[in-house]
């Protein structure tokens, strides 16, 4: 269901920190017009931990309204408390999402058995397709290949967003899970090697800025045209990298502000980037032809 390029959508806010619904609609339409394969609202790139439950549901509702069945919507529903994740996932199911992306519980560092039971419980309670999100660098816990192989035996656990940064682990995941289980890259810069190993796409941060180009890269990989994929990557790798010069989504929202796509407003504990970081972001955007000459105060 979820292959090619999906965008981990940022959540735009107004200066008063309220949800900027008008800008969100424009961003979603921009993604669809660019040919994106699926949308991922309210993931961690969307600052979901700072959204109220009502805001979380509203962001997803807007994505569904604008998608209008033209692209699939894989909505974020993950976290520390299994019961709360199930409650949120049920609400998203009733709204009509195509699936949920569920980040591992953070901080409490469950065992592999605990992770298995967490996702097993979600899958039993909610019949939606579920994509596991494994990102040890953020959560402190890794979903090991053997655990994913067990989870892949549950009918509605359909894939994993693999963001370990470990190519060896990705190879082992692809070796151990069945062929119907979708492995997606959680890091833009390693989309090509993961897809060369058999992955089916990427949940992308940089697609917020370059949706058409990142979709072309993923589709080229799906069709075995790795020469074209490498050509696209070579042009935009500096942008992929600068998006993580500070904690995500600080740089990508700053860049989108420079591109005129949104007002770069954050909710604490996220805050604007350091002036030196912003200057680097501007230079990368300028080199990629995404903005004109950028002057950053400070």
Foldseek 3Di string as FASTA:
>chain_A
DDFFEEEADAFFADPVRHGPLVLLLVLLLVLVVLPFAEYEYLDVLNVNVPDDLVRLVVSQLSNCVSCVVVHAYAYEQEEADLVRSLVSLVVVVVSPHQHYEYEYYADVADDLVVRLVSVVVSCVSHVHQYEYEAACVPRVYGNALVSVQVSLVRPRPAEYADAPVDLVRLLSNVVRHDLRRAYAHAALLCRQVSLVSPHGYYHDHCCSQVVNLSSVLNVCSVVVNVVSNVVSCVLCVLVSVLCVPDPRPQLSLLLCVQLVSGPSDDDPPDDHDDQVSSVSSQVSCCSSVSHPRDDTDD
